[in-house]
N, C-alpha and C. Protein backbone atom coordinates (compact mmCIF):
# COMPACT_ATOMS: atom_id res chain seq x y z
N MET A 1 94.94 -46.64 117.96
CA MET A 1 96.40 -46.40 118.51
C MET A 1 96.59 -45.07 118.62
N LYS A 2 97.14 -44.70 119.70
CA LYS A 2 97.53 -43.28 120.14
C LYS A 2 98.79 -42.87 119.59
N THR A 3 98.92 -41.63 119.10
CA THR A 3 100.01 -41.16 118.39
C THR A 3 101.10 -40.64 119.51
N PRO A 4 102.39 -41.38 119.38
CA PRO A 4 103.22 -41.00 120.34
C PRO A 4 103.64 -39.44 120.32
N PRO A 5 103.90 -38.73 121.59
CA PRO A 5 104.24 -37.36 121.61
C PRO A 5 105.33 -36.83 120.54
N SER A 6 106.19 -37.73 120.47
CA SER A 6 107.38 -37.25 119.47
C SER A 6 106.73 -37.15 118.12
N TYR A 7 105.59 -37.90 117.77
CA TYR A 7 105.15 -37.48 116.45
C TYR A 7 104.14 -36.44 116.33
N LEU A 8 103.63 -36.02 117.53
CA LEU A 8 102.80 -34.92 117.65
C LEU A 8 103.31 -33.59 116.85
N VAL A 9 104.67 -33.37 117.17
CA VAL A 9 105.17 -32.20 116.74
C VAL A 9 105.40 -32.36 115.04
N ALA A 10 105.82 -33.35 114.50
CA ALA A 10 105.82 -33.46 113.08
C ALA A 10 104.54 -33.18 112.52
N ALA A 11 103.31 -33.59 113.14
CA ALA A 11 102.17 -33.35 112.60
C ALA A 11 101.53 -31.97 112.52
N PHE A 12 102.49 -30.98 113.09
CA PHE A 12 102.32 -29.44 113.14
C PHE A 12 101.59 -28.98 114.40
N LEU A 13 101.95 -28.83 114.57
CA LEU A 13 101.07 -29.84 114.36
C LEU A 13 100.97 -29.91 115.71
N ALA A 14 101.29 -29.47 114.40
CA ALA A 14 101.35 -29.36 114.99
C ALA A 14 100.69 -28.45 115.39
N LEU A 15 96.62 -26.26 120.86
CA LEU A 15 96.25 -25.16 121.53
C LEU A 15 94.89 -25.52 122.38
N PRO A 16 94.76 -25.55 123.67
CA PRO A 16 93.35 -25.82 124.01
C PRO A 16 92.72 -24.69 123.69
N SER A 17 91.30 -24.84 123.41
CA SER A 17 90.34 -23.75 123.01
C SER A 17 90.23 -22.91 124.03
N LEU A 18 90.05 -23.36 125.29
CA LEU A 18 89.92 -22.61 126.41
C LEU A 18 90.92 -21.36 126.60
N LEU A 19 92.08 -21.94 126.60
CA LEU A 19 93.36 -20.99 126.81
C LEU A 19 93.25 -20.12 125.65
N VAL A 20 93.11 -20.24 124.34
CA VAL A 20 93.15 -19.45 123.34
C VAL A 20 91.92 -18.29 123.37
N ALA A 21 90.89 -18.90 123.77
CA ALA A 21 89.72 -17.88 123.99
C ALA A 21 90.00 -16.97 125.15
N GLN A 22 90.78 -17.29 125.97
CA GLN A 22 91.16 -16.49 127.27
C GLN A 22 92.20 -15.48 126.80
N ALA A 23 93.01 -15.80 125.71
CA ALA A 23 94.04 -14.88 125.32
C ALA A 23 93.56 -13.66 124.76
N GLY A 24 92.36 -13.66 124.22
CA GLY A 24 91.86 -12.61 123.71
C GLY A 24 91.76 -12.75 122.25
N GLN A 25 90.73 -12.10 121.71
CA GLN A 25 90.43 -11.90 120.38
C GLN A 25 91.09 -10.95 119.48
N SER A 26 91.61 -11.09 118.42
CA SER A 26 92.08 -10.01 117.55
C SER A 26 90.92 -9.27 116.73
N ASN A 27 90.97 -8.12 116.73
CA ASN A 27 90.00 -7.31 115.78
C ASN A 27 90.37 -7.54 114.25
N ARG A 28 91.53 -8.01 113.88
CA ARG A 28 91.89 -8.16 112.45
C ARG A 28 90.98 -9.26 111.79
N PRO A 29 90.41 -9.07 110.32
CA PRO A 29 89.62 -10.08 109.94
C PRO A 29 90.43 -11.28 109.53
N LEU A 30 89.72 -12.34 109.50
CA LEU A 30 90.45 -13.68 109.06
C LEU A 30 90.47 -13.79 107.61
N PRO A 31 91.31 -14.26 107.03
CA PRO A 31 91.52 -14.30 105.61
C PRO A 31 90.64 -15.38 104.97
N SER A 32 90.28 -15.07 103.64
CA SER A 32 89.25 -16.11 103.09
C SER A 32 89.82 -16.74 101.77
N THR A 33 91.06 -16.61 101.68
CA THR A 33 91.72 -17.16 100.45
C THR A 33 92.89 -17.91 101.04
N PRO A 34 93.40 -19.04 100.04
CA PRO A 34 94.65 -19.66 100.56
C PRO A 34 95.82 -18.87 100.65
N GLN A 35 96.03 -17.78 99.97
CA GLN A 35 97.32 -17.12 99.99
C GLN A 35 97.06 -16.28 101.45
N GLY A 36 95.85 -15.77 101.77
CA GLY A 36 95.49 -15.00 102.87
C GLY A 36 95.88 -15.83 104.26
N LEU A 37 95.44 -17.23 104.20
CA LEU A 37 95.76 -18.10 105.29
C LEU A 37 97.04 -18.24 105.50
N LEU A 38 97.87 -18.64 104.37
CA LEU A 38 99.23 -18.98 104.56
C LEU A 38 100.02 -17.55 104.96
N GLY A 39 99.57 -16.58 104.59
CA GLY A 39 100.21 -15.28 104.83
C GLY A 39 100.00 -15.05 106.30
N ARG A 40 98.89 -15.37 106.87
CA ARG A 40 98.63 -15.03 108.27
C ARG A 40 99.47 -16.13 109.21
N LEU A 41 99.73 -17.31 108.61
CA LEU A 41 100.63 -18.18 109.54
C LEU A 41 102.13 -18.01 109.46
N ALA A 42 102.37 -16.97 108.58
CA ALA A 42 103.94 -16.57 108.34
C ALA A 42 104.18 -15.84 109.63
N GLY A 43 105.44 -16.23 110.10
CA GLY A 43 106.02 -15.50 111.46
C GLY A 43 106.52 -16.45 112.37
N THR A 44 106.77 -16.14 113.67
CA THR A 44 107.43 -16.80 114.71
C THR A 44 106.37 -17.06 115.56
N TRP A 45 106.20 -18.41 116.05
CA TRP A 45 105.10 -18.84 116.85
C TRP A 45 105.64 -19.59 118.13
N HIS A 46 105.03 -19.41 119.28
CA HIS A 46 105.24 -20.23 120.37
C HIS A 46 104.31 -21.52 120.30
N PHE A 47 104.68 -22.61 120.40
CA PHE A 47 103.56 -23.82 120.46
C PHE A 47 103.64 -24.61 121.67
N ALA A 48 102.64 -25.31 121.97
CA ALA A 48 102.46 -26.13 123.14
C ALA A 48 101.61 -27.48 122.74
N LEU A 49 102.18 -28.51 122.99
CA LEU A 49 101.43 -29.72 122.55
C LEU A 49 100.85 -30.34 123.66
N TYR A 50 99.56 -30.76 123.62
CA TYR A 50 98.87 -31.46 124.60
C TYR A 50 98.36 -32.69 124.16
N ALA A 51 98.45 -33.83 125.02
CA ALA A 51 98.02 -35.14 124.61
C ALA A 51 96.83 -35.41 125.42
N GLN A 52 95.93 -36.22 125.10
CA GLN A 52 94.56 -36.62 125.57
C GLN A 52 94.96 -37.13 126.94
N GLY A 53 94.29 -36.72 127.88
CA GLY A 53 94.52 -37.14 129.30
C GLY A 53 95.64 -36.49 130.07
N SER A 54 96.41 -35.59 129.43
CA SER A 54 97.48 -34.96 130.35
C SER A 54 96.91 -33.55 130.60
N SER A 55 97.48 -32.97 131.84
CA SER A 55 96.82 -31.79 132.51
C SER A 55 97.78 -30.59 131.85
N GLY A 56 98.72 -31.05 131.40
CA GLY A 56 99.63 -29.94 130.87
C GLY A 56 100.23 -30.21 129.51
N PRO A 57 101.02 -29.28 128.91
CA PRO A 57 101.68 -29.67 127.63
C PRO A 57 102.79 -30.75 127.74
N VAL A 58 102.73 -31.57 126.75
CA VAL A 58 103.76 -32.71 126.73
C VAL A 58 105.01 -32.16 126.18
N ALA A 59 104.98 -31.02 125.32
CA ALA A 59 106.14 -30.48 124.63
C ALA A 59 105.77 -29.10 124.32
N SER A 60 106.74 -28.22 124.14
CA SER A 60 106.69 -26.95 123.59
C SER A 60 107.92 -26.47 122.96
N GLY A 61 107.65 -25.42 122.26
CA GLY A 61 108.69 -24.71 121.73
C GLY A 61 108.35 -23.69 120.80
N GLN A 62 109.21 -23.38 119.76
CA GLN A 62 109.19 -22.16 118.65
C GLN A 62 109.13 -22.73 117.36
N ARG A 63 108.30 -22.34 116.56
CA ARG A 63 108.24 -22.45 115.17
C ARG A 63 108.21 -21.13 114.32
N GLU A 64 109.27 -21.27 113.34
CA GLU A 64 109.39 -20.11 112.46
C GLU A 64 108.78 -20.38 111.19
N MET A 65 107.83 -19.80 110.73
CA MET A 65 107.28 -20.01 109.36
C MET A 65 107.49 -19.11 108.37
N ARG A 66 108.13 -19.26 107.42
CA ARG A 66 108.35 -18.19 106.23
C ARG A 66 107.70 -18.48 105.02
N LEU A 67 107.10 -17.41 104.52
CA LEU A 67 106.22 -17.46 103.40
C LEU A 67 107.24 -17.29 102.19
N TRP A 68 107.08 -18.19 101.20
CA TRP A 68 107.67 -18.21 99.85
C TRP A 68 107.11 -17.01 99.05
N ALA A 69 108.00 -16.62 98.08
CA ALA A 69 107.58 -15.35 97.30
C ALA A 69 106.18 -15.49 96.49
N ASP A 70 105.86 -16.97 96.21
CA ASP A 70 104.55 -17.38 95.48
C ASP A 70 103.44 -17.20 96.28
N SER A 71 103.67 -17.09 97.60
CA SER A 71 102.38 -16.92 98.52
C SER A 71 101.57 -17.89 98.79
N VAL A 72 101.88 -19.22 98.28
CA VAL A 72 101.32 -20.38 98.45
C VAL A 72 102.09 -21.59 99.11
N LYS A 73 103.27 -21.04 99.56
CA LYS A 73 104.16 -22.13 100.43
C LYS A 73 104.64 -21.46 101.49
N LEU A 74 104.90 -22.36 102.53
CA LEU A 74 105.39 -21.74 103.87
C LEU A 74 106.37 -22.92 104.19
N THR A 75 107.58 -22.60 104.58
CA THR A 75 108.61 -23.45 105.15
C THR A 75 108.58 -23.24 106.51
N TRP A 76 108.82 -24.38 107.42
CA TRP A 76 109.10 -24.09 108.81
C TRP A 76 110.26 -24.73 109.51
N THR A 77 110.70 -24.21 110.60
CA THR A 77 111.74 -24.87 111.45
C THR A 77 111.22 -24.70 112.70
N GLU A 78 111.36 -25.71 113.66
CA GLU A 78 111.10 -25.67 115.09
C GLU A 78 112.08 -26.29 115.89
N THR A 79 112.08 -25.79 117.16
CA THR A 79 112.99 -26.32 118.20
C THR A 79 112.08 -26.41 119.37
N PHE A 80 112.42 -27.42 120.24
CA PHE A 80 111.65 -27.67 121.41
C PHE A 80 112.38 -27.30 122.66
N VAL A 81 111.50 -26.97 123.58
CA VAL A 81 112.17 -26.35 124.93
C VAL A 81 112.79 -27.77 125.68
N GLY A 82 114.02 -27.87 126.09
CA GLY A 82 114.41 -28.82 126.76
C GLY A 82 114.79 -30.21 126.07
N GLN A 83 114.72 -30.22 124.79
CA GLN A 83 114.90 -31.25 123.97
C GLN A 83 115.90 -31.10 122.88
N PRO A 84 116.74 -31.86 122.47
CA PRO A 84 117.67 -31.57 121.46
C PRO A 84 117.15 -31.65 119.92
N LYS A 85 116.04 -32.23 119.87
CA LYS A 85 115.57 -32.62 118.45
C LYS A 85 115.06 -31.18 117.69
N THR A 86 115.01 -31.30 116.59
CA THR A 86 114.24 -30.16 115.80
C THR A 86 113.33 -30.73 114.72
N GLY A 87 112.46 -29.97 114.09
CA GLY A 87 111.68 -30.32 113.11
C GLY A 87 111.68 -29.31 111.88
N THR A 88 111.28 -29.70 110.73
CA THR A 88 111.37 -28.91 109.66
C THR A 88 110.09 -29.38 108.71
N GLY A 89 109.78 -28.51 107.88
CA GLY A 89 108.67 -28.98 106.92
C GLY A 89 108.19 -27.83 106.04
N ILE A 90 107.14 -28.34 105.29
CA ILE A 90 106.54 -27.42 104.24
C ILE A 90 104.98 -27.36 104.37
N LEU A 91 104.40 -26.28 104.22
CA LEU A 91 102.82 -26.32 104.21
C LEU A 91 102.47 -25.63 103.09
N GLY A 92 101.73 -26.07 102.09
CA GLY A 92 101.45 -25.26 100.78
C GLY A 92 100.04 -25.72 100.28
N TYR A 93 99.81 -24.93 99.06
CA TYR A 93 98.60 -25.07 98.45
C TYR A 93 98.66 -25.21 97.10
N ASN A 94 97.93 -26.20 96.53
CA ASN A 94 98.15 -26.42 95.03
C ASN A 94 96.74 -25.89 94.42
N ALA A 95 96.78 -24.76 93.73
CA ALA A 95 95.63 -24.23 93.09
C ALA A 95 95.03 -25.14 91.95
N ALA A 96 95.89 -25.93 91.40
CA ALA A 96 95.38 -26.76 90.39
C ALA A 96 94.48 -27.96 90.95
N THR A 97 94.65 -28.32 92.31
CA THR A 97 93.82 -29.47 92.74
C THR A 97 92.95 -28.85 93.93
N GLY A 98 93.11 -27.56 94.23
CA GLY A 98 92.41 -27.02 95.40
C GLY A 98 92.80 -27.88 96.81
N ALA A 99 94.06 -28.45 96.69
CA ALA A 99 94.36 -29.07 97.97
C ALA A 99 95.43 -28.47 98.62
N TYR A 100 95.44 -28.56 100.00
CA TYR A 100 96.64 -28.10 100.82
C TYR A 100 97.45 -29.51 101.13
N TYR A 101 98.68 -29.21 101.34
CA TYR A 101 99.59 -30.41 101.72
C TYR A 101 100.73 -30.03 102.76
N ALA A 102 101.07 -30.91 103.47
CA ALA A 102 102.00 -30.61 104.57
C ALA A 102 103.03 -31.82 104.52
N LEU A 103 104.26 -31.53 104.63
CA LEU A 103 105.33 -32.50 104.37
C LEU A 103 106.25 -32.11 105.69
N GLY A 104 106.75 -33.03 106.60
CA GLY A 104 107.55 -32.65 107.57
C GLY A 104 108.34 -33.76 108.09
N ALA A 105 109.33 -33.64 108.79
CA ALA A 105 110.28 -34.44 109.49
C ALA A 105 110.70 -33.87 110.77
N VAL A 106 110.82 -34.76 111.73
CA VAL A 106 111.48 -34.48 113.00
C VAL A 106 112.70 -35.30 113.30
N GLU A 107 113.65 -34.55 113.72
CA GLU A 107 115.04 -35.29 113.95
C GLU A 107 114.99 -36.51 114.89
N HIS A 108 115.49 -37.61 114.66
CA HIS A 108 115.28 -38.77 115.22
C HIS A 108 114.06 -39.58 115.15
N GLN A 109 113.11 -39.27 114.13
CA GLN A 109 112.02 -39.96 114.05
C GLN A 109 112.07 -40.45 112.53
N PRO A 110 111.84 -41.77 112.31
CA PRO A 110 112.04 -42.35 111.02
C PRO A 110 111.02 -42.00 110.07
N SER A 111 109.75 -41.89 110.51
CA SER A 111 108.48 -41.58 109.70
C SER A 111 108.44 -40.16 109.32
N PRO A 112 108.28 -39.84 107.97
CA PRO A 112 107.91 -38.47 107.53
C PRO A 112 106.27 -38.06 107.80
N MET A 113 106.18 -36.98 107.77
CA MET A 113 104.71 -36.56 107.76
C MET A 113 104.40 -36.19 106.41
N ILE A 114 103.32 -36.89 105.88
CA ILE A 114 102.83 -36.51 104.57
C ILE A 114 101.31 -36.38 104.73
N LEU A 115 100.69 -35.28 104.80
CA LEU A 115 99.17 -34.84 104.75
C LEU A 115 98.78 -34.25 103.55
N LEU A 116 97.55 -34.35 103.20
CA LEU A 116 96.77 -33.76 102.15
C LEU A 116 95.51 -33.26 102.71
N GLY A 117 95.03 -31.98 102.51
CA GLY A 117 93.82 -31.43 103.03
C GLY A 117 93.00 -30.55 102.22
N ARG A 118 91.76 -30.18 102.61
CA ARG A 118 90.83 -29.37 101.99
C ARG A 118 90.31 -28.33 103.11
N ALA A 119 90.24 -27.10 102.47
CA ALA A 119 89.59 -26.12 103.35
C ALA A 119 88.08 -26.24 103.48
N ASP A 120 87.50 -25.87 104.66
CA ASP A 120 86.12 -25.80 104.82
C ASP A 120 85.51 -24.56 104.04
N SER A 121 84.22 -24.36 103.98
CA SER A 121 83.66 -23.19 103.21
C SER A 121 84.10 -21.90 103.79
N SER A 122 84.34 -21.71 104.97
CA SER A 122 85.01 -20.48 105.49
C SER A 122 86.38 -20.12 105.19
N GLY A 123 87.19 -21.24 104.69
CA GLY A 123 88.58 -20.97 104.43
C GLY A 123 89.52 -20.77 105.59
N HIS A 124 88.99 -20.97 106.77
CA HIS A 124 89.64 -20.75 108.19
C HIS A 124 90.12 -22.11 108.77
N THR A 125 89.49 -23.25 108.30
CA THR A 125 89.83 -24.61 108.82
C THR A 125 90.25 -25.50 107.53
N VAL A 126 91.39 -26.19 107.63
CA VAL A 126 91.79 -27.13 106.65
C VAL A 126 91.79 -28.45 107.36
N VAL A 127 91.01 -29.54 106.90
CA VAL A 127 90.96 -30.77 107.36
C VAL A 127 92.03 -31.74 106.47
N PHE A 128 92.93 -32.43 107.25
CA PHE A 128 93.98 -33.11 106.73
C PHE A 128 93.97 -34.59 107.09
N ASP A 129 94.26 -35.35 106.00
CA ASP A 129 94.30 -36.86 106.14
C ASP A 129 95.68 -37.23 105.61
N ALA A 130 96.19 -38.44 106.11
CA ALA A 130 97.56 -39.07 105.80
C ALA A 130 97.65 -39.08 104.38
N GLY A 131 98.62 -38.49 103.75
CA GLY A 131 98.82 -38.51 102.25
C GLY A 131 99.41 -39.70 101.87
N SER A 132 100.04 -40.46 102.65
CA SER A 132 100.63 -41.92 102.24
C SER A 132 100.38 -42.89 103.41
N THR A 133 99.76 -43.89 102.92
CA THR A 133 99.58 -45.11 103.50
C THR A 133 100.65 -46.25 103.29
N ASP A 134 101.60 -45.92 102.55
CA ASP A 134 102.62 -46.86 102.12
C ASP A 134 103.45 -47.14 103.32
N ILE A 135 103.48 -48.25 103.83
CA ILE A 135 104.25 -48.78 104.96
C ILE A 135 105.65 -48.57 104.92
N ARG A 136 106.25 -48.51 103.47
CA ARG A 136 107.58 -48.09 103.23
C ARG A 136 108.10 -46.74 103.69
N VAL A 137 106.93 -45.72 103.57
CA VAL A 137 107.27 -44.27 103.90
C VAL A 137 107.08 -43.99 105.45
N ALA A 138 105.81 -44.49 105.92
CA ALA A 138 105.52 -44.00 107.37
C ALA A 138 104.87 -45.31 107.91
N ARG A 139 105.00 -45.43 109.30
CA ARG A 139 104.30 -46.48 109.94
C ARG A 139 102.91 -46.35 109.96
N PRO A 140 102.10 -47.54 109.89
CA PRO A 140 100.71 -47.37 109.91
C PRO A 140 100.14 -46.56 111.08
N ALA A 141 99.02 -45.79 110.77
CA ALA A 141 98.24 -45.15 112.01
C ALA A 141 99.13 -44.00 112.77
N ILE A 142 100.25 -43.79 112.14
CA ILE A 142 101.07 -42.81 112.92
C ILE A 142 100.43 -41.23 112.71
N TYR A 143 99.81 -41.05 111.73
CA TYR A 143 99.05 -39.85 111.67
C TYR A 143 97.55 -39.81 111.42
N ALA A 144 96.94 -39.12 112.24
CA ALA A 144 95.51 -39.23 112.21
C ALA A 144 94.94 -37.97 111.49
N THR A 145 93.59 -38.26 111.27
CA THR A 145 92.93 -36.94 110.63
C THR A 145 92.90 -35.71 111.57
N SER A 146 93.25 -34.63 110.80
CA SER A 146 93.68 -33.53 111.89
C SER A 146 92.96 -32.31 111.18
N GLU A 147 92.85 -31.24 111.87
CA GLU A 147 92.53 -29.89 111.57
C GLU A 147 93.38 -28.76 111.68
N LEU A 148 93.74 -28.14 110.96
CA LEU A 148 94.38 -26.64 111.22
C LEU A 148 93.38 -25.72 111.30
N ARG A 149 93.23 -24.96 112.39
CA ARG A 149 92.13 -24.12 112.52
C ARG A 149 92.69 -22.60 112.88
N LEU A 150 92.18 -21.71 112.17
CA LEU A 150 92.65 -20.13 112.45
C LEU A 150 91.62 -19.81 113.53
N VAL A 151 91.91 -19.78 114.74
CA VAL A 151 90.89 -19.37 115.91
C VAL A 151 90.83 -17.67 115.79
N ASP A 152 91.60 -17.05 115.43
CA ASP A 152 91.43 -15.64 115.14
C ASP A 152 92.86 -15.28 114.63
N ALA A 153 92.81 -13.93 114.34
CA ALA A 153 94.03 -13.35 113.30
C ALA A 153 95.34 -13.68 113.97
N ASP A 154 95.56 -13.95 115.31
CA ASP A 154 96.77 -14.02 115.97
C ASP A 154 96.86 -15.40 116.67
N HIS A 155 95.96 -16.37 116.42
CA HIS A 155 96.10 -17.66 117.07
C HIS A 155 95.74 -18.57 116.12
N PHE A 156 96.39 -19.84 116.26
CA PHE A 156 95.84 -21.09 115.46
C PHE A 156 96.15 -22.34 116.22
N GLU A 157 95.35 -23.36 115.84
CA GLU A 157 95.80 -24.70 116.48
C GLU A 157 95.63 -25.70 115.46
N TRP A 158 96.14 -26.90 115.67
CA TRP A 158 96.20 -28.08 114.74
C TRP A 158 95.77 -29.21 115.87
N VAL A 159 94.56 -29.84 115.40
CA VAL A 159 94.18 -30.82 116.39
C VAL A 159 93.71 -32.07 115.61
N THR A 160 93.74 -33.30 116.37
CA THR A 160 93.48 -34.54 115.74
C THR A 160 91.93 -34.39 115.88
N LEU A 161 91.17 -34.98 114.94
CA LEU A 161 89.75 -35.20 115.22
C LEU A 161 89.31 -36.28 116.27
N ASP A 162 90.20 -37.24 116.53
CA ASP A 162 89.90 -38.18 117.56
C ASP A 162 90.23 -37.77 118.78
N GLY A 163 90.84 -36.45 119.13
CA GLY A 163 91.07 -35.84 120.32
C GLY A 163 92.28 -36.30 121.14
N SER A 164 93.21 -37.10 120.25
CA SER A 164 94.21 -37.47 120.85
C SER A 164 95.44 -36.52 121.12
N TRP A 165 95.54 -35.50 120.42
CA TRP A 165 96.38 -34.39 120.75
C TRP A 165 95.93 -33.00 120.12
N ARG A 166 96.65 -32.16 120.54
CA ARG A 166 96.30 -30.64 120.18
C ARG A 166 97.50 -29.92 120.27
N GLY A 167 97.90 -29.01 119.27
CA GLY A 167 98.96 -28.05 119.16
C GLY A 167 98.46 -26.66 119.33
N VAL A 168 98.87 -25.84 120.07
CA VAL A 168 98.47 -24.56 120.47
C VAL A 168 99.58 -23.44 119.83
N PHE A 169 99.33 -22.61 119.01
CA PHE A 169 100.17 -21.65 118.48
C PHE A 169 99.80 -20.40 118.76
N ASN A 170 100.54 -19.55 119.40
CA ASN A 170 100.63 -18.25 119.95
C ASN A 170 101.59 -17.45 119.34
N PRO A 171 101.57 -15.96 119.06
CA PRO A 171 102.65 -15.14 118.64
C PRO A 171 103.83 -15.49 119.77
N SER A 172 105.18 -15.56 119.25
CA SER A 172 106.15 -15.64 120.04
C SER A 172 106.24 -14.44 121.08
N VAL A 173 106.59 -14.72 122.31
CA VAL A 173 106.56 -13.67 123.32
C VAL A 173 107.84 -13.66 123.83
N THR A 174 108.67 -12.60 124.15
CA THR A 174 109.97 -12.45 124.73
C THR A 174 110.00 -11.31 125.73
N PRO A 175 110.65 -11.59 127.01
CA PRO A 175 110.80 -10.41 127.82
C PRO A 175 111.35 -9.22 127.33
N ASP A 176 111.04 -8.15 127.72
CA ASP A 176 111.70 -6.82 127.15
C ASP A 176 112.43 -6.20 128.36
N ALA A 177 113.08 -5.06 128.17
CA ALA A 177 114.05 -4.43 129.14
C ALA A 177 113.20 -4.02 130.41
N THR A 178 111.79 -3.63 130.22
CA THR A 178 111.10 -3.08 131.41
C THR A 178 110.55 -4.12 132.10
N GLY A 179 110.73 -5.51 131.86
CA GLY A 179 110.13 -6.55 132.78
C GLY A 179 108.60 -6.92 132.33
N GLY A 180 108.18 -6.43 131.24
CA GLY A 180 106.93 -6.75 130.67
C GLY A 180 107.26 -7.75 129.49
N SER A 181 106.33 -7.87 128.65
CA SER A 181 106.57 -8.87 127.45
C SER A 181 106.56 -8.15 126.32
N GLU A 182 107.15 -8.69 125.35
CA GLU A 182 107.23 -8.07 123.93
C GLU A 182 106.76 -9.22 123.08
N THR A 183 105.77 -9.08 122.27
CA THR A 183 105.23 -10.09 121.21
C THR A 183 105.85 -9.75 120.00
N VAL A 184 106.58 -10.67 119.41
CA VAL A 184 107.17 -10.44 118.18
C VAL A 184 106.56 -11.18 117.04
N THR A 185 106.13 -10.58 116.06
CA THR A 185 105.33 -11.37 114.89
C THR A 185 106.07 -10.76 113.70
N GLU A 186 106.46 -11.88 112.82
CA GLU A 186 106.94 -11.50 111.55
C GLU A 186 105.86 -11.92 110.47
N TRP A 187 105.71 -11.02 109.53
CA TRP A 187 104.84 -11.22 108.39
C TRP A 187 105.40 -10.95 107.16
N ARG A 188 105.75 -11.81 106.22
CA ARG A 188 106.32 -11.56 105.03
C ARG A 188 107.66 -10.75 105.21
N GLY A 189 108.43 -11.17 106.13
CA GLY A 189 109.81 -10.63 106.37
C GLY A 189 109.69 -9.23 107.29
N HIS A 190 108.54 -8.70 107.48
CA HIS A 190 108.46 -7.37 108.38
C HIS A 190 108.20 -7.71 109.64
N ILE A 191 108.92 -7.33 110.72
CA ILE A 191 108.79 -7.68 112.05
C ILE A 191 107.89 -6.70 112.76
N GLY A 192 106.76 -6.97 113.45
CA GLY A 192 106.08 -6.03 114.37
C GLY A 192 106.13 -6.37 115.62
N ARG A 193 106.13 -5.32 116.50
CA ARG A 193 106.23 -5.54 117.88
C ARG A 193 105.18 -4.76 118.69
N ALA A 194 104.78 -5.63 119.75
CA ALA A 194 103.76 -5.03 120.68
C ALA A 194 104.02 -5.25 122.11
N VAL A 195 104.35 -4.20 122.92
CA VAL A 195 104.82 -4.36 124.17
C VAL A 195 103.72 -4.37 125.17
N THR A 196 103.69 -5.09 126.18
CA THR A 196 102.72 -5.09 127.26
C THR A 196 103.40 -5.35 128.51
N ALA A 197 102.58 -4.55 129.49
CA ALA A 197 103.10 -4.49 130.84
C ALA A 197 103.01 -5.78 131.60
């Protein structure tokens, strides 16, 4: 069963690899701890969602991810371009079990997202499975096994392993007064800007 585009966002969840590879690689090292991974994800991100067989994104928008003081939880809020719906959720790490979790909801969608995951040996990829198969909580087969992948220090993606969808996340970019673009990235409450022509 293919996941409808409206549920793709809730799954985080939401980046084609080719586009990310062409965007340039960062020289900053990738984190190797759960706190480092979650800290790297904190900030404001532009996302584009791609469905299998579509030539362009089926949805896009902006996600703001805020790191909690304990450094093992992020909350996010997201808005979509041209759509009135919003999404919200939490991504965290439980040191007692060594598991990541993602809980989320999208406005006007009855099924919540409940995912549990484990990092690979590099710590740069987390594989998630549906955390609840109880039909009272979420429709069956709504969430597929997926991976959150840190592509480099400035880009990440969330993809289903069956290839049905992919979410591409890049630092949020806004126009500046000179006609160039300004990349705004927030990390632990500090905003850094890089202006390009």
